[in-house]
C-alpha atoms as a PDB file:
ATOM      1  CA  UNK A   1     130.833  80.985 157.231  1.00  0.00           C
ATOM      2  CA  UNK A   2     133.053  81.879 160.109  1.00  0.00           C
ATOM      3  CA  UNK A   3     131.551  84.587 162.366  1.00  0.00           C
ATOM      4  CA  UNK A   4     134.846  86.505 162.323  1.00  0.00           C
ATOM      5  CA  UNK A   5     134.780  86.825 158.535  1.00  0.00           C
ATOM      6  CA  UNK A   6     131.354  88.486 158.315  1.00  0.00           C
ATOM      7  CA  UNK A   7     132.402  91.841 159.871  1.00  0.00           C
ATOM      8  CA  UNK A   8     135.611  91.854 157.843  1.00  0.00           C
ATOM      9  CA  UNK A   9     133.749  91.267 154.582  1.00  0.00           C
ATOM     10  CA  UNK A  10     131.127  93.889 155.490  1.00  0.00           C
ATOM     11  CA  UNK A  11     133.876  96.390 156.325  1.00  0.00           C
ATOM     12  CA  UNK A  12     135.621  95.713 153.025  1.00  0.00           C
ATOM     13  CA  UNK A  13     132.392  96.232 151.092  1.00  0.00           C
ATOM     14  CA  UNK A  14     131.747  99.551 152.863  1.00  0.00           C
ATOM     15  CA  UNK A  15     135.334 100.645 152.245  1.00  0.00           C
ATOM     16  CA  UNK A  16     135.068  99.816 148.539  1.00  0.00           C
ATOM     17  CA  UNK A  17     131.797 101.738 148.242  1.00  0.00           C
ATOM     18  CA  UNK A  18     133.254 104.789 150.003  1.00  0.00           C
ATOM     19  CA  UNK A  19     136.395 104.791 147.878  1.00  0.00           C
ATOM     20  CA  UNK A  20     134.290 104.472 144.743  1.00  0.00           C
ATOM     21  CA  UNK A  21     132.147 107.444 145.789  1.00  0.00           C
ATOM     22  CA  UNK A  22     135.164 109.666 146.541  1.00  0.00           C
ATOM     23  CA  UNK A  23     136.851 108.689 143.272  1.00  0.00           C
ATOM     24  CA  UNK A  24     133.847 109.720 141.198  1.00  0.00           C
ATOM     25  CA  UNK A  25     133.476 112.974 143.152  1.00  0.00           C
ATOM     26  CA  UNK A  26     137.075 113.886 142.414  1.00  0.00           C
ATOM     27  CA  UNK A  27     136.588 113.056 138.720  1.00  0.00           C
ATOM     28  CA  UNK A  28     133.522 115.316 138.563  1.00  0.00           C
ATOM     29  CA  UNK A  29     135.403 118.138 140.298  1.00  0.00           C
ATOM     30  CA  UNK A  30     138.309 117.844 137.853  1.00  0.00           C
ATOM     31  CA  UNK A  31     135.936 117.853 134.884  1.00  0.00           C
ATOM     32  CA  UNK A  32     134.156 120.925 136.230  1.00  0.00           C
ATOM     33  CA  UNK A  33     137.444 122.798 136.730  1.00  0.00           C
ATOM     34  CA  UNK A  34     138.544 121.902 133.202  1.00  0.00           C
ATOM     35  CA  UNK A  35     135.217 123.066 131.794  1.00  0.00           C
ATOM     36  CA  UNK A  36     135.563 126.395 133.592  1.00  0.00           C
ATOM     37  CA  UNK A  37     139.069 126.849 132.164  1.00  0.00           C
ATOM     38  CA  UNK A  38     137.772 126.114 128.672  1.00  0.00           C
ATOM     39  CA  UNK A  39     134.893 128.536 129.200  1.00  0.00           C
ATOM     40  CA  UNK A  40     137.262 131.343 130.212  1.00  0.00           C
ATOM     41  CA  UNK A  41     139.352 130.642 127.113  1.00  0.00           C
ATOM     42  CA  UNK A  42     136.346 130.626 124.778  1.00  0.00           C
ATOM     43  CA  UNK A  43     134.739 133.679 126.388  1.00  0.00           C
ATOM     44  CA  UNK A  44     137.676 135.887 125.428  1.00  0.00           C
ATOM     45  CA  UNK A  45     138.481 134.250 122.087  1.00  0.00           C
ATOM     46  CA  UNK A  46     138.209 136.133 118.796  1.00  0.00           C
ATOM     47  CA  UNK A  47     135.870 134.050 116.635  1.00  0.00           C
ATOM     48  CA  UNK A  48     136.528 135.716 113.280  1.00  0.00           C
ATOM     49  CA  UNK A  49     138.816 132.997 111.860  1.00  0.00           C
ATOM     50  CA  UNK A  50     137.143 129.985 113.466  1.00  0.00           C
ATOM     51  CA  UNK A  51     135.630 127.239 111.302  1.00  0.00           C
ATOM     52  CA  UNK A  52     131.874 126.729 111.259  1.00  0.00           C
ATOM     53  CA  UNK A  53     132.173 123.231 112.736  1.00  0.00           C
ATOM     54  CA  UNK A  54     134.211 124.524 115.656  1.00  0.00           C
ATOM     55  CA  UNK A  55     131.782 127.397 116.159  1.00  0.00           C
ATOM     56  CA  UNK A  56     128.899 124.921 116.419  1.00  0.00           C
ATOM     57  CA  UNK A  57     130.773 122.933 119.051  1.00  0.00           C
ATOM     58  CA  UNK A  58     131.692 126.071 120.977  1.00  0.00           C
ATOM     59  CA  UNK A  59     128.116 127.355 120.997  1.00  0.00           C
ATOM     60  CA  UNK A  60     126.843 124.073 122.435  1.00  0.00           C
ATOM     61  CA  UNK A  61     129.636 123.878 125.016  1.00  0.00           C
ATOM     62  CA  UNK A  62     129.371 127.457 126.201  1.00  0.00           C
ATOM     63  CA  UNK A  63     125.557 127.423 126.417  1.00  0.00           C
ATOM     64  CA  UNK A  64     125.846 125.833 129.865  1.00  0.00           C
ATOM     65  CA  UNK A  65     127.819 128.810 131.144  1.00  0.00           C
ATOM     66  CA  UNK A  66     126.839 131.883 129.150  1.00  0.00           C
ATOM     67  CA  UNK A  67     123.772 132.024 126.901  1.00  0.00           C
ATOM     68  CA  UNK A  68     124.670 135.470 125.555  1.00  0.00           C
ATOM     69  CA  UNK A  69     128.072 134.281 124.338  1.00  0.00           C
ATOM     70  CA  UNK A  70     126.414 131.183 122.874  1.00  0.00           C
ATOM     71  CA  UNK A  71     124.007 133.408 120.934  1.00  0.00           C
ATOM     72  CA  UNK A  72     126.933 135.517 119.741  1.00  0.00           C
ATOM     73  CA  UNK A  73     128.649 132.395 118.429  1.00  0.00           C
ATOM     74  CA  UNK A  74     125.474 131.207 116.713  1.00  0.00           C
ATOM     75  CA  UNK A  75     125.078 134.641 115.108  1.00  0.00           C
ATOM     76  CA  UNK A  76     128.606 134.238 113.746  1.00  0.00           C
ATOM     77  CA  UNK A  77     127.626 130.818 112.325  1.00  0.00           C
ATOM     78  CA  UNK A  78     124.673 132.424 110.546  1.00  0.00           C
ATOM     79  CA  UNK A  79     126.925 135.156 109.132  1.00  0.00           C
ATOM     80  CA  UNK A  80     129.334 132.555 107.765  1.00  0.00           C
ATOM     81  CA  UNK A  81     126.518 130.587 106.171  1.00  0.00           C
ATOM     82  CA  UNK A  82     125.207 133.712 104.430  1.00  0.00           C
ATOM     83  CA  UNK A  83     128.634 134.410 102.879  1.00  0.00           C
END
């Protein structure tokens, strides 16, 4: 292999690895921001008319952010099941 190509190929590999790392970081940041928006929405939502399936999903989702709200949602699930 030509000695001039080795540094170019090495530089390209490093560049690809760096771009890949920054891309995944930005994806994680966007997902985290979206999750926080969803949490704020759920935290203030009235759960009286919500289906039991949706309540189960919400309790699992919100458990990462607020265990008290998750317990409140699960209590609502239990109330619905008793009815």
